[in-house]
Protein backbone atom coordinates (compact mmCIF):
# COMPACT_ATOMS: atom_id res chain seq x y z
CA MET A 1 -11.32 -36.63 4.47
CA GLY A 2 -14.40 -34.89 3.04
CA MET A 3 -15.65 -31.64 4.52
CA GLU A 4 -18.86 -33.21 5.85
CA LYS A 5 -16.90 -35.92 7.63
CA PHE A 6 -14.57 -33.27 9.03
CA TYR A 7 -17.51 -31.22 10.34
CA ARG A 8 -19.12 -34.34 11.83
CA THR A 9 -15.88 -35.22 13.60
CA VAL A 10 -15.46 -31.69 14.95
CA ARG A 11 -19.09 -31.57 16.14
CA LYS A 12 -18.69 -34.90 17.92
CA LYS A 13 -15.42 -33.98 19.59
CA PHE A 14 -15.99 -30.31 20.34
CA GLY A 15 -19.74 -29.85 20.16
CA VAL A 16 -19.37 -27.09 17.58
CA GLU A 17 -22.04 -26.71 14.92
CA LYS A 18 -21.15 -26.36 11.25
CA GLU A 19 -22.93 -23.02 10.90
CA GLN A 20 -21.22 -21.67 14.01
CA MET A 21 -17.84 -22.67 12.57
CA LYS A 22 -18.70 -20.97 9.29
CA ARG A 23 -19.71 -17.78 11.11
CA GLU A 24 -16.51 -17.76 13.12
CA VAL A 25 -14.35 -18.31 10.04
CA THR A 26 -16.27 -15.63 8.14
CA GLU A 27 -15.85 -13.12 10.98
CA GLU A 28 -12.15 -13.90 11.25
CA LEU A 29 -11.66 -13.43 7.49
CA ARG A 30 -13.57 -10.15 7.56
CA GLU A 31 -11.37 -8.92 10.37
CA GLU A 32 -8.15 -9.91 8.59
CA LEU A 33 -9.30 -8.49 5.27
CA GLY A 34 -10.44 -5.34 7.02
CA GLU A 35 -6.92 -4.88 8.37
CA GLU A 36 -5.51 -5.42 4.88
CA ILE A 37 -7.94 -2.93 3.38
CA SER A 38 -7.04 -0.37 6.05
CA TYR A 39 -3.35 -0.88 5.33
CA ILE A 40 -3.87 -0.53 1.58
CA GLU A 41 -5.94 2.62 2.06
CA ALA A 42 -3.22 4.13 4.27
CA GLU A 43 -0.57 3.27 1.68
CA LEU A 44 -2.70 4.79 -1.08
CA LYS A 45 -3.12 8.00 0.92
CA GLN A 46 0.64 8.14 1.39
CA TYR A 47 1.13 7.55 -2.33
CA GLU A 48 -1.44 10.23 -3.23
CA GLN A 49 0.35 12.67 -0.94
CA LEU A 50 3.65 11.84 -2.61
CA VAL A 51 2.12 12.33 -6.05
CA ALA A 52 0.73 15.70 -4.93
CA GLU A 53 4.19 16.71 -3.68
CA VAL A 54 5.79 15.64 -6.95
CA ASN A 55 3.18 17.55 -8.95
CA HIS A 56 3.75 20.64 -6.83
CA LEU A 57 7.50 20.37 -7.22
CA LEU A 58 7.16 19.94 -10.99
CA THR A 59 4.95 23.02 -11.16
CA VAL A 60 7.47 25.03 -9.16
CA MET A 61 10.29 23.71 -11.35
CA ARG A 62 8.43 24.72 -14.52
CA LYS A 63 7.80 28.21 -13.19
CA GLU A 64 11.42 28.59 -12.14
CA ARG A 65 12.66 27.21 -15.46
CA ILE A 66 10.52 29.64 -17.41
CA GLN A 67 11.64 32.49 -15.19
CA GLU A 68 15.30 31.45 -15.46
CA ARG A 69 15.11 31.16 -19.25
CA SER A 70 13.70 34.63 -19.50
CA GLU A 71 16.50 36.01 -17.33
CA ASN A 72 19.67 34.05 -18.20
CA GLY A 73 19.01 31.74 -21.08
CA GLN A 74 18.45 28.00 -20.48
CA ILE A 75 18.43 26.12 -17.17
CA LYS A 76 19.70 22.55 -16.67
CA MET A 77 17.58 19.88 -15.01
CA SER A 78 20.62 18.64 -13.08
CA GLU A 79 20.29 21.71 -10.90
CA PHE A 80 17.08 20.23 -9.46
CA ASP A 81 18.52 16.87 -8.38
CA ASP A 82 18.87 18.02 -4.77
CA ASP A 83 15.20 18.99 -4.69
CA MET A 84 14.18 15.60 -6.05
CA GLU A 85 16.10 13.49 -3.50
CA PRO A 86 13.54 13.72 -0.63
CA LEU A 87 10.76 12.70 -2.99
CA LYS A 88 12.78 9.83 -4.42
CA SER A 89 13.53 8.50 -0.93
CA LYS A 90 9.85 8.71 0.08
CA LEU A 91 8.86 6.83 -3.04
CA GLN A 92 11.49 4.15 -2.36
CA GLU A 93 10.27 3.78 1.25
CA LEU A 94 6.70 3.39 0.05
CA GLU A 95 7.74 0.84 -2.56
CA SER A 96 9.73 -1.24 -0.07
CA SER A 97 6.88 -1.13 2.44
CA MET A 98 4.43 -2.38 -0.15
CA LYS A 99 6.85 -5.13 -1.26
CA GLU A 100 7.28 -6.31 2.35
CA ARG A 101 3.53 -6.43 2.83
CA LEU A 102 3.11 -8.38 -0.42
CA GLU A 103 5.76 -10.89 0.70
CA GLU A 104 3.96 -11.29 4.04
CA GLN A 105 0.73 -12.03 2.20
CA LYS A 106 2.45 -14.59 -0.02
CA ALA A 107 3.70 -16.34 3.12
CA TYR A 108 0.09 -16.82 4.30
CA PHE A 109 -0.87 -18.54 1.09
């Protein structure tokens, strides 16, 4: 069935004009896309915060490593694994959240 025939049928049965239907569909899409954009922006802010935390931690680690080297010799990176765990878990949560959202979007299409 062609689109014109579909619109004619809908207008006959429901009294809805083609332009009105287009406006309604456009508004609905804007609303849905607006929600998606808001979600993506929130996820990006979370990611940016995580990156800032990682950068801060790396800076602290560098300072401590330099200080430790000057005092005792060389420091091992394995000593910082405990400090990295919270950041790793946040990154994994963010990744899984984004994957779930992507899967939801694939289900719509």
